[in-house]
């Protein structure tokens, strides 16, 4: 099928952008996907400022695979330890093993996102989805900046991941549901929730990334399946592949930078940045700078 902005009802605007522009947006997507600053907001702002068309929700969702590769690479020791430890615990039927329990909690914490994601999938991926309105994205950025500020002001930042519980995992999992609203940010919502649980900043980020692995994987697989069903053209797949490779590299750099930053500093820089982005989006639409 020929490329276009809408492929069998699926928003595939990235095809019209071509290789070079998708590679550039892959850098933006990779960096902003894993920082708590909303990749969706940036994927609307950057193309609009450059006079490019919106790459579409399908592009953003498919880029989850780039984020997955980056998270697993950076947290390989955690990932392999949890996976291998869980398998060994099952083999010896030791269901009290911490690695098995933590892996189970991650799976359970993903259930709310799966349920709401399925309920909202037709709206989220539709061409011209109202949820991708710049007003909605701008408002979400402002709300999340306020919540992150509250987490910085009133939480202790003393706990480590070694003493988290099923309740903690479920609360962060519920916060992850909010990321279905463009502008909220999956990493932003889960990091904020983890900070509200009094986790240290770098531990909150680590918890956020590990808990988000199933969600990132499922979102990517679902979007690839949707693109396959929509008979995306060969050129479309090749353009998407370029974006994935570039986004994977930039996402790894983003994780490394975030973890090093949070070991020494607070998240106030993200509070101010997100608030500024939200105000800019709403003002730009109101004044007619962006449509």
C-alpha atoms as a PDB file:
ATOM      1  CA  UNK A   1       0.000   0.000   0.000  1.00  0.00           C
ATOM      2  CA  UNK A   2       1.266   3.431  -0.820  1.00  0.00           C
ATOM      3  CA  UNK A   3       2.448   5.544   2.049  1.00  0.00           C
ATOM      4  CA  UNK A   4       0.247   8.287   3.390  1.00  0.00           C
ATOM      5  CA  UNK A   5      -0.848  10.167   6.454  1.00  0.00           C
ATOM      6  CA  UNK A   6      -3.544   7.618   7.198  1.00  0.00           C
ATOM      7  CA  UNK A   7      -3.184   3.913   6.468  1.00  0.00           C
ATOM      8  CA  UNK A   8      -6.461   2.048   6.986  1.00  0.00           C
ATOM      9  CA  UNK A   9      -7.403   4.416   9.803  1.00  0.00           C
ATOM     10  CA  UNK A  10      -3.927   4.330  11.370  1.00  0.00           C
ATOM     11  CA  UNK A  11      -2.009   7.588  11.674  1.00  0.00           C
ATOM     12  CA  UNK A  12       1.191   6.986   9.647  1.00  0.00           C
ATOM     13  CA  UNK A  13       2.309  10.507   8.858  1.00  0.00           C
ATOM     14  CA  UNK A  14       5.953   9.531   9.336  1.00  0.00           C
ATOM     15  CA  UNK A  15       6.025   7.962   5.852  1.00  0.00           C
ATOM     16  CA  UNK A  16       5.624  11.343   4.181  1.00  0.00           C
ATOM     17  CA  UNK A  17       8.577  12.730   6.145  1.00  0.00           C
ATOM     18  CA  UNK A  18      11.170  10.435   4.562  1.00  0.00           C
ATOM     19  CA  UNK A  19      14.434   9.040   5.919  1.00  0.00           C
ATOM     20  CA  UNK A  20      16.333  12.181   6.951  1.00  0.00           C
ATOM     21  CA  UNK A  21      13.471  13.818   8.824  1.00  0.00           C
ATOM     22  CA  UNK A  22      12.496  10.562  10.547  1.00  0.00           C
ATOM     23  CA  UNK A  23      16.129  10.089  11.610  1.00  0.00           C
ATOM     24  CA  UNK A  24      16.122  13.586  13.117  1.00  0.00           C
ATOM     25  CA  UNK A  25      12.841  12.879  14.898  1.00  0.00           C
ATOM     26  CA  UNK A  26      14.280   9.542  16.045  1.00  0.00           C
ATOM     27  CA  UNK A  27      16.902  11.477  18.010  1.00  0.00           C
ATOM     28  CA  UNK A  28      14.178  13.627  19.595  1.00  0.00           C
ATOM     29  CA  UNK A  29      11.952  10.633  20.298  1.00  0.00           C
ATOM     30  CA  UNK A  30      14.781   8.563  21.787  1.00  0.00           C
ATOM     31  CA  UNK A  31      15.876  11.303  24.175  1.00  0.00           C
ATOM     32  CA  UNK A  32      12.437  12.471  25.271  1.00  0.00           C
ATOM     33  CA  UNK A  33      10.866   8.998  25.513  1.00  0.00           C
ATOM     34  CA  UNK A  34      12.926   8.090  28.562  1.00  0.00           C
ATOM     35  CA  UNK A  35      13.313  11.513  30.172  1.00  0.00           C
ATOM     36  CA  UNK A  36      10.323  12.734  32.238  1.00  0.00           C
ATOM     37  CA  UNK A  37       9.488  15.505  29.752  1.00  0.00           C
ATOM     38  CA  UNK A  38       6.903  13.916  27.396  1.00  0.00           C
ATOM     39  CA  UNK A  39       8.037  12.586  24.042  1.00  0.00           C
ATOM     40  CA  UNK A  40       4.560  13.256  22.600  1.00  0.00           C
ATOM     41  CA  UNK A  41       4.838  16.968  23.360  1.00  0.00           C
ATOM     42  CA  UNK A  42       8.192  17.177  21.619  1.00  0.00           C
ATOM     43  CA  UNK A  43       7.020  15.108  18.676  1.00  0.00           C
ATOM     44  CA  UNK A  44       4.298  17.696  18.133  1.00  0.00           C
ATOM     45  CA  UNK A  45       6.413  20.780  18.852  1.00  0.00           C
ATOM     46  CA  UNK A  46       9.534  19.969  16.811  1.00  0.00           C
ATOM     47  CA  UNK A  47       7.762  19.081  13.526  1.00  0.00           C
ATOM     48  CA  UNK A  48       5.433  22.078  13.934  1.00  0.00           C
ATOM     49  CA  UNK A  49       8.310  24.505  14.454  1.00  0.00           C
ATOM     50  CA  UNK A  50      10.178  23.047  11.474  1.00  0.00           C
ATOM     51  CA  UNK A  51       7.089  23.118   9.274  1.00  0.00           C
ATOM     52  CA  UNK A  52       6.914  19.306   9.028  1.00  0.00           C
ATOM     53  CA  UNK A  53       3.768  17.265   9.330  1.00  0.00           C
ATOM     54  CA  UNK A  54       2.965  15.352  12.513  1.00  0.00           C
ATOM     55  CA  UNK A  55       4.691  11.923  12.285  1.00  0.00           C
ATOM     56  CA  UNK A  56       1.592  10.385  13.871  1.00  0.00           C
ATOM     57  CA  UNK A  57       0.838   8.309  16.925  1.00  0.00           C
ATOM     58  CA  UNK A  58       1.891   5.084  15.159  1.00  0.00           C
ATOM     59  CA  UNK A  59       5.469   6.365  14.909  1.00  0.00           C
ATOM     60  CA  UNK A  60       5.617   7.287  18.602  1.00  0.00           C
ATOM     61  CA  UNK A  61       4.167   3.942  19.657  1.00  0.00           C
ATOM     62  CA  UNK A  62       6.468   1.908  17.410  1.00  0.00           C
ATOM     63  CA  UNK A  63       9.466   3.773  18.849  1.00  0.00           C
ATOM     64  CA  UNK A  64       8.727   1.967  22.116  1.00  0.00           C
ATOM     65  CA  UNK A  65      10.941  -0.825  20.778  1.00  0.00           C
ATOM     66  CA  UNK A  66      13.864   1.587  20.678  1.00  0.00           C
ATOM     67  CA  UNK A  67      13.181   2.521  24.293  1.00  0.00           C
ATOM     68  CA  UNK A  68      12.940  -1.164  25.208  1.00  0.00           C
ATOM     69  CA  UNK A  69      16.348  -1.919  23.684  1.00  0.00           C
ATOM     70  CA  UNK A  70      17.905   1.010  25.536  1.00  0.00           C
ATOM     71  CA  UNK A  71      16.376   0.144  28.931  1.00  0.00           C
ATOM     72  CA  UNK A  72      17.342  -3.534  28.724  1.00  0.00           C
ATOM     73  CA  UNK A  73      20.884  -2.637  27.625  1.00  0.00           C
ATOM     74  CA  UNK A  74      21.434  -0.136  30.425  1.00  0.00           C
ATOM     75  CA  UNK A  75      19.792  -2.229  33.154  1.00  0.00           C
ATOM     76  CA  UNK A  76      21.048  -5.574  31.823  1.00  0.00           C
ATOM     77  CA  UNK A  77      22.300  -6.791  35.208  1.00  0.00           C
ATOM     78  CA  UNK A  78      18.929  -6.013  36.812  1.00  0.00           C
ATOM     79  CA  UNK A  79      16.965  -7.461  33.913  1.00  0.00           C
ATOM     80  CA  UNK A  80      18.968 -10.682  33.611  1.00  0.00           C
ATOM     81  CA  UNK A  81      19.060 -11.075  37.397  1.00  0.00           C
ATOM     82  CA  UNK A  82      15.291 -10.772  37.744  1.00  0.00           C
ATOM     83  CA  UNK A  83      14.586 -13.055  34.785  1.00  0.00           C
ATOM     84  CA  UNK A  84      17.140 -15.706  35.717  1.00  0.00           C
ATOM     85  CA  UNK A  85      16.343 -15.506  39.422  1.00  0.00           C
ATOM     86  CA  UNK A  86      12.634 -15.929  38.749  1.00  0.00           C
ATOM     87  CA  UNK A  87      13.209 -18.976  36.540  1.00  0.00           C
ATOM     88  CA  UNK A  88      15.428 -20.575  39.185  1.00  0.00           C
ATOM     89  CA  UNK A  89      12.885 -19.768  41.920  1.00  0.00           C
ATOM     90  CA  UNK A  90      10.113 -21.435  39.906  1.00  0.00           C
ATOM     91  CA  UNK A  91      12.318 -24.484  39.281  1.00  0.00           C
ATOM     92  CA  UNK A  92      12.870 -24.979  42.998  1.00  0.00           C
ATOM     93  CA  UNK A  93       9.318 -23.793  43.823  1.00  0.00           C
ATOM     94  CA  UNK A  94      10.588 -21.033  46.057  1.00  0.00           C
ATOM     95  CA  UNK A  95       7.804 -18.511  45.528  1.00  0.00           C
ATOM     96  CA  UNK A  96       9.002 -16.407  48.440  1.00  0.00           C
ATOM     97  CA  UNK A  97      12.192 -15.538  46.520  1.00  0.00           C
ATOM     98  CA  UNK A  98      12.486 -11.734  46.230  1.00  0.00           C
ATOM     99  CA  UNK A  99      13.398 -11.751  42.543  1.00  0.00           C
ATOM    100  CA  UNK A 100      10.389 -13.921  41.725  1.00  0.00           C
ATOM    101  CA  UNK A 101       8.093 -11.741  43.809  1.00  0.00           C
ATOM    102  CA  UNK A 102       9.398  -8.509  42.293  1.00  0.00           C
ATOM    103  CA  UNK A 103       9.006  -9.871  38.764  1.00  0.00           C
ATOM    104  CA  UNK A 104       5.456 -10.940  39.614  1.00  0.00           C
ATOM    105  CA  UNK A 105       4.703  -7.468  40.960  1.00  0.00           C
ATOM    106  CA  UNK A 106       5.920  -5.905  37.722  1.00  0.00           C
ATOM    107  CA  UNK A 107       3.573  -8.178  35.761  1.00  0.00           C
ATOM    108  CA  UNK A 108       0.615  -7.370  38.021  1.00  0.00           C
ATOM    109  CA  UNK A 109       1.366  -3.636  37.899  1.00  0.00           C
ATOM    110  CA  UNK A 110       1.122  -3.752  34.093  1.00  0.00           C
ATOM    111  CA  UNK A 111      -2.464  -5.079  34.114  1.00  0.00           C
ATOM    112  CA  UNK A 112      -4.196  -1.678  34.625  1.00  0.00           C
ATOM    113  CA  UNK A 113      -2.326  -0.215  31.650  1.00  0.00           C
ATOM    114  CA  UNK A 114      -3.301  -3.174  29.444  1.00  0.00           C
ATOM    115  CA  UNK A 115      -6.977  -2.822  30.367  1.00  0.00           C
ATOM    116  CA  UNK A 116      -7.180   0.933  29.800  1.00  0.00           C
ATOM    117  CA  UNK A 117      -4.906   0.746  26.763  1.00  0.00           C
ATOM    118  CA  UNK A 118      -7.269  -1.692  25.053  1.00  0.00           C
ATOM    119  CA  UNK A 119     -10.284   0.434  25.954  1.00  0.00           C
ATOM    120  CA  UNK A 120      -8.727   3.601  24.517  1.00  0.00           C
ATOM    121  CA  UNK A 121      -6.730   2.122  21.623  1.00  0.00           C
ATOM    122  CA  UNK A 122      -9.196   3.122  18.896  1.00  0.00           C
ATOM    123  CA  UNK A 123      -9.155   6.730  20.080  1.00  0.00           C
ATOM    124  CA  UNK A 124      -5.430   6.957  20.762  1.00  0.00           C
ATOM    125  CA  UNK A 125      -4.322   5.707  17.320  1.00  0.00           C
ATOM    126  CA  UNK A 126      -7.069   7.256  15.215  1.00  0.00           C
ATOM    127  CA  UNK A 127      -6.161   9.795  12.570  1.00  0.00           C
ATOM    128  CA  UNK A 128      -6.722  13.263  14.028  1.00  0.00           C
ATOM    129  CA  UNK A 129      -7.229  11.883  17.534  1.00  0.00           C
ATOM    130  CA  UNK A 130      -8.539  14.630  19.874  1.00  0.00           C
ATOM    131  CA  UNK A 131      -6.168  13.341  22.556  1.00  0.00           C
ATOM    132  CA  UNK A 132      -3.238  14.557  20.440  1.00  0.00           C
ATOM    133  CA  UNK A 133      -4.588  18.100  20.575  1.00  0.00           C
ATOM    134  CA  UNK A 134      -1.878  20.589  21.530  1.00  0.00           C
ATOM    135  CA  UNK A 135      -4.193  21.969  24.229  1.00  0.00           C
ATOM    136  CA  UNK A 136      -4.452  18.506  25.812  1.00  0.00           C
ATOM    137  CA  UNK A 137      -0.707  17.916  25.598  1.00  0.00           C
ATOM    138  CA  UNK A 138       0.088  21.362  27.014  1.00  0.00           C
ATOM    139  CA  UNK A 139      -2.334  20.948  29.921  1.00  0.00           C
ATOM    140  CA  UNK A 140      -0.923  17.482  30.694  1.00  0.00           C
ATOM    141  CA  UNK A 141       2.619  18.899  30.785  1.00  0.00           C
ATOM    142  CA  UNK A 142       1.593  21.587  33.284  1.00  0.00           C
ATOM    143  CA  UNK A 143      -0.274  19.147  35.538  1.00  0.00           C
ATOM    144  CA  UNK A 144       2.657  16.743  35.596  1.00  0.00           C
ATOM    145  CA  UNK A 145       5.117  19.535  36.358  1.00  0.00           C
ATOM    146  CA  UNK A 146       3.019  20.492  39.393  1.00  0.00           C
ATOM    147  CA  UNK A 147       2.847  16.875  40.613  1.00  0.00           C
ATOM    148  CA  UNK A 148       6.610  16.428  40.190  1.00  0.00           C
ATOM    149  CA  UNK A 149       7.174  19.664  42.128  1.00  0.00           C
ATOM    150  CA  UNK A 150       4.996  18.362  44.977  1.00  0.00           C
ATOM    151  CA  UNK A 151       6.990  15.122  45.030  1.00  0.00           C
ATOM    152  CA  UNK A 152      10.211  17.123  45.359  1.00  0.00           C
ATOM    153  CA  UNK A 153       8.809  19.387  48.093  1.00  0.00           C
ATOM    154  CA  UNK A 154       7.085  16.913  50.382  1.00  0.00           C
ATOM    155  CA  UNK A 155       8.774  13.515  49.959  1.00  0.00           C
ATOM    156  CA  UNK A 156      11.789  12.145  51.823  1.00  0.00           C
ATOM    157  CA  UNK A 157      13.786  10.447  49.022  1.00  0.00           C
ATOM    158  CA  UNK A 158      15.356   7.921  51.413  1.00  0.00           C
ATOM    159  CA  UNK A 159      13.986   4.489  50.456  1.00  0.00           C
ATOM    160  CA  UNK A 160      15.714   2.021  48.165  1.00  0.00           C
ATOM    161  CA  UNK A 161      14.271  -0.557  45.798  1.00  0.00           C
ATOM    162  CA  UNK A 162      15.254  -3.358  48.175  1.00  0.00           C
ATOM    163  CA  UNK A 163      12.276  -2.619  50.422  1.00  0.00           C
ATOM    164  CA  UNK A 164       9.518  -1.884  47.912  1.00  0.00           C
ATOM    165  CA  UNK A 165       6.280  -3.876  48.162  1.00  0.00           C
ATOM    166  CA  UNK A 166       3.452  -5.080  45.940  1.00  0.00           C
ATOM    167  CA  UNK A 167       1.477  -2.022  47.027  1.00  0.00           C
ATOM    168  CA  UNK A 168       4.291   0.250  45.824  1.00  0.00           C
ATOM    169  CA  UNK A 169       4.434  -1.533  42.470  1.00  0.00           C
ATOM    170  CA  UNK A 170       0.665  -1.309  41.972  1.00  0.00           C
ATOM    171  CA  UNK A 171       0.629   2.420  42.783  1.00  0.00           C
ATOM    172  CA  UNK A 172       3.347   3.086  40.216  1.00  0.00           C
ATOM    173  CA  UNK A 173       1.508   0.790  37.788  1.00  0.00           C
ATOM    174  CA  UNK A 174      -1.674   2.818  38.212  1.00  0.00           C
ATOM    175  CA  UNK A 175       0.283   6.016  37.630  1.00  0.00           C
ATOM    176  CA  UNK A 176       1.508   4.470  34.385  1.00  0.00           C
ATOM    177  CA  UNK A 177      -2.075   4.445  33.097  1.00  0.00           C
ATOM    178  CA  UNK A 178      -1.949   8.232  33.010  1.00  0.00           C
ATOM    179  CA  UNK A 179       0.720   8.003  30.316  1.00  0.00           C
ATOM    180  CA  UNK A 180      -2.004   6.969  27.852  1.00  0.00           C
ATOM    181  CA  UNK A 181      -2.884  10.678  27.762  1.00  0.00           C
ATOM    182  CA  UNK A 182      -0.403  12.365  25.401  1.00  0.00           C
ATOM    183  CA  UNK A 183       1.769  14.832  27.268  1.00  0.00           C
ATOM    184  CA  UNK A 184       1.747  12.960  30.584  1.00  0.00           C
ATOM    185  CA  UNK A 185       4.845  10.825  29.774  1.00  0.00           C
ATOM    186  CA  UNK A 186       5.248   7.234  30.931  1.00  0.00           C
ATOM    187  CA  UNK A 187       8.633   7.877  32.492  1.00  0.00           C
ATOM    188  CA  UNK A 188       7.339  11.114  34.002  1.00  0.00           C
ATOM    189  CA  UNK A 189       4.241   9.588  35.585  1.00  0.00           C
ATOM    190  CA  UNK A 190       6.035   6.539  36.998  1.00  0.00           C
ATOM    191  CA  UNK A 191       9.046   8.526  38.222  1.00  0.00           C
ATOM    192  CA  UNK A 192       6.747  10.992  39.965  1.00  0.00           C
ATOM    193  CA  UNK A 193       4.757   8.184  41.585  1.00  0.00           C
ATOM    194  CA  UNK A 194       7.969   6.485  42.749  1.00  0.00           C
ATOM    195  CA  UNK A 195       9.185   9.757  44.266  1.00  0.00           C
ATOM    196  CA  UNK A 196       5.888  10.071  46.156  1.00  0.00           C
ATOM    197  CA  UNK A 197       6.758   6.678  47.686  1.00  0.00           C
ATOM    198  CA  UNK A 198       9.855   8.341  49.219  1.00  0.00           C
ATOM    199  CA  UNK A 199      12.340   6.480  47.020  1.00  0.00           C
ATOM    200  CA  UNK A 200      15.718   8.055  46.369  1.00  0.00           C
ATOM    201  CA  UNK A 201      15.708   9.874  43.051  1.00  0.00           C
ATOM    202  CA  UNK A 202      18.031   7.457  41.225  1.00  0.00           C
ATOM    203  CA  UNK A 203      16.199   4.489  42.790  1.00  0.00           C
ATOM    204  CA  UNK A 204      12.862   5.956  41.702  1.00  0.00           C
ATOM    205  CA  UNK A 205      14.150   6.185  38.128  1.00  0.00           C
ATOM    206  CA  UNK A 206      15.468   2.615  38.247  1.00  0.00           C
ATOM    207  CA  UNK A 207      12.136   1.377  39.644  1.00  0.00           C
ATOM    208  CA  UNK A 208      10.275   3.338  36.976  1.00  0.00           C
ATOM    209  CA  UNK A 209      12.276   1.874  34.104  1.00  0.00           C
ATOM    210  CA  UNK A 210      12.176  -1.734  35.305  1.00  0.00           C
ATOM    211  CA  UNK A 211       8.468  -1.620  36.052  1.00  0.00           C
ATOM    212  CA  UNK A 212       7.810  -0.116  32.628  1.00  0.00           C
ATOM    213  CA  UNK A 213       9.542  -2.883  30.655  1.00  0.00           C
ATOM    214  CA  UNK A 214       6.401  -4.998  30.002  1.00  0.00           C
ATOM    215  CA  UNK A 215       4.403  -1.894  29.100  1.00  0.00           C
ATOM    216  CA  UNK A 216       7.074  -0.683  26.670  1.00  0.00           C
ATOM    217  CA  UNK A 217       7.314  -4.149  25.102  1.00  0.00           C
ATOM    218  CA  UNK A 218       3.547  -4.623  24.765  1.00  0.00           C
ATOM    219  CA  UNK A 219       3.024  -1.147  23.314  1.00  0.00           C
ATOM    220  CA  UNK A 220       5.723  -1.746  20.711  1.00  0.00           C
ATOM    221  CA  UNK A 221       4.466  -5.216  19.752  1.00  0.00           C
ATOM    222  CA  UNK A 222       0.883  -3.971  19.511  1.00  0.00           C
ATOM    223  CA  UNK A 223       1.864  -1.107  17.234  1.00  0.00           C
ATOM    224  CA  UNK A 224       3.964  -3.305  14.964  1.00  0.00           C
ATOM    225  CA  UNK A 225       1.014  -5.682  14.712  1.00  0.00           C
ATOM    226  CA  UNK A 226      -1.319  -2.795  13.828  1.00  0.00           C
ATOM    227  CA  UNK A 227       1.087  -1.572  11.153  1.00  0.00           C
ATOM    228  CA  UNK A 228       1.347  -5.121   9.758  1.00  0.00           C
ATOM    229  CA  UNK A 229      -2.445  -5.444   9.630  1.00  0.00           C
ATOM    230  CA  UNK A 230      -2.645  -2.087   7.886  1.00  0.00           C
ATOM    231  CA  UNK A 231      -0.306  -3.426   5.161  1.00  0.00           C
ATOM    232  CA  UNK A 232       2.337  -0.762   5.661  1.00  0.00           C
ATOM    233  CA  UNK A 233       4.448  -0.404   2.531  1.00  0.00           C
ATOM    234  CA  UNK A 234       8.038  -1.673   2.324  1.00  0.00           C
ATOM    235  CA  UNK A 235       9.223   1.925   2.178  1.00  0.00           C
ATOM    236  CA  UNK A 236       7.241   2.645   5.331  1.00  0.00           C
ATOM    237  CA  UNK A 237       8.956  -0.225   7.178  1.00  0.00           C
ATOM    238  CA  UNK A 238      12.388   0.946   6.006  1.00  0.00           C
ATOM    239  CA  UNK A 239      11.744   4.519   7.124  1.00  0.00           C
ATOM    240  CA  UNK A 240      10.537   3.209  10.483  1.00  0.00           C
ATOM    241  CA  UNK A 241      13.683   1.056  10.827  1.00  0.00           C
ATOM    242  CA  UNK A 242      15.897   4.122  10.404  1.00  0.00           C
ATOM    243  CA  UNK A 243      13.973   5.892  13.148  1.00  0.00           C
ATOM    244  CA  UNK A 244      14.291   2.868  15.442  1.00  0.00           C
ATOM    245  CA  UNK A 245      18.065   2.576  15.086  1.00  0.00           C
ATOM    246  CA  UNK A 246      18.649   6.268  15.731  1.00  0.00           C
ATOM    247  CA  UNK A 247      16.137   6.368  18.599  1.00  0.00           C
ATOM    248  CA  UNK A 248      17.758   3.338  20.291  1.00  0.00           C
ATOM    249  CA  UNK A 249      21.125   5.054  20.441  1.00  0.00           C
ATOM    250  CA  UNK A 250      19.753   8.378  21.663  1.00  0.00           C
ATOM    251  CA  UNK A 251      17.524   6.624  24.222  1.00  0.00           C
ATOM    252  CA  UNK A 252      20.529   4.841  25.739  1.00  0.00           C
ATOM    253  CA  UNK A 253      22.351   8.171  26.045  1.00  0.00           C
ATOM    254  CA  UNK A 254      19.232   9.659  27.663  1.00  0.00           C
ATOM    255  CA  UNK A 255      19.046   6.905  30.328  1.00  0.00           C
ATOM    256  CA  UNK A 256      22.737   7.168  31.126  1.00  0.00           C
ATOM    257  CA  UNK A 257      22.492  10.947  31.457  1.00  0.00           C
ATOM    258  CA  UNK A 258      19.338  10.813  33.599  1.00  0.00           C
ATOM    259  CA  UNK A 259      20.737   8.255  36.035  1.00  0.00           C
ATOM    260  CA  UNK A 260      23.997  10.172  36.452  1.00  0.00           C
ATOM    261  CA  UNK A 261      22.082  13.421  36.925  1.00  0.00           C
ATOM    262  CA  UNK A 262      19.661  12.061  39.550  1.00  0.00           C
ATOM    263  CA  UNK A 263      22.532  10.618  41.581  1.00  0.00           C
ATOM    264  CA  UNK A 264      23.619  14.196  42.317  1.00  0.00           C
ATOM    265  CA  UNK A 265      20.716  16.552  41.669  1.00  0.00           C
ATOM    266  CA  UNK A 266      16.959  16.924  42.153  1.00  0.00           C
ATOM    267  CA  UNK A 267      14.337  16.788  39.392  1.00  0.00           C
ATOM    268  CA  UNK A 268      13.484  20.500  39.585  1.00  0.00           C
ATOM    269  CA  UNK A 269      14.984  21.103  36.141  1.00  0.00           C
ATOM    270  CA  UNK A 270      12.282  18.816  34.691  1.00  0.00           C
ATOM    271  CA  UNK A 271       9.576  20.598  36.712  1.00  0.00           C
ATOM    272  CA  UNK A 272      10.472  23.978  35.213  1.00  0.00           C
ATOM    273  CA  UNK A 273      11.056  22.573  31.739  1.00  0.00           C
ATOM    274  CA  UNK A 274       7.710  20.747  31.626  1.00  0.00           C
ATOM    275  CA  UNK A 275       5.825  23.770  32.920  1.00  0.00           C
ATOM    276  CA  UNK A 276       7.474  25.984  30.295  1.00  0.00           C
ATOM    277  CA  UNK A 277       6.660  23.506  27.519  1.00  0.00           C
ATOM    278  CA  UNK A 278       3.023  23.329  28.620  1.00  0.00           C
ATOM    279  CA  UNK A 279       2.625  27.106  28.786  1.00  0.00           C
ATOM    280  CA  UNK A 280       4.340  27.478  25.416  1.00  0.00           C
ATOM    281  CA  UNK A 281       2.041  24.954  23.725  1.00  0.00           C
ATOM    282  CA  UNK A 282      -1.177  26.449  25.057  1.00  0.00           C
ATOM    283  CA  UNK A 283      -0.016  30.014  24.317  1.00  0.00           C
ATOM    284  CA  UNK A 284       1.221  29.106  20.829  1.00  0.00           C
ATOM    285  CA  UNK A 285      -2.111  27.552  19.893  1.00  0.00           C
ATOM    286  CA  UNK A 286      -4.094  30.426  21.415  1.00  0.00           C
ATOM    287  CA  UNK A 287      -2.013  33.019  19.566  1.00  0.00           C
ATOM    288  CA  UNK A 288      -2.136  31.063  16.322  1.00  0.00           C
ATOM    289  CA  UNK A 289       1.587  30.256  16.160  1.00  0.00           C
ATOM    290  CA  UNK A 290       0.863  26.523  16.127  1.00  0.00           C
ATOM    291  CA  UNK A 291      -2.209  24.695  14.906  1.00  0.00           C
END
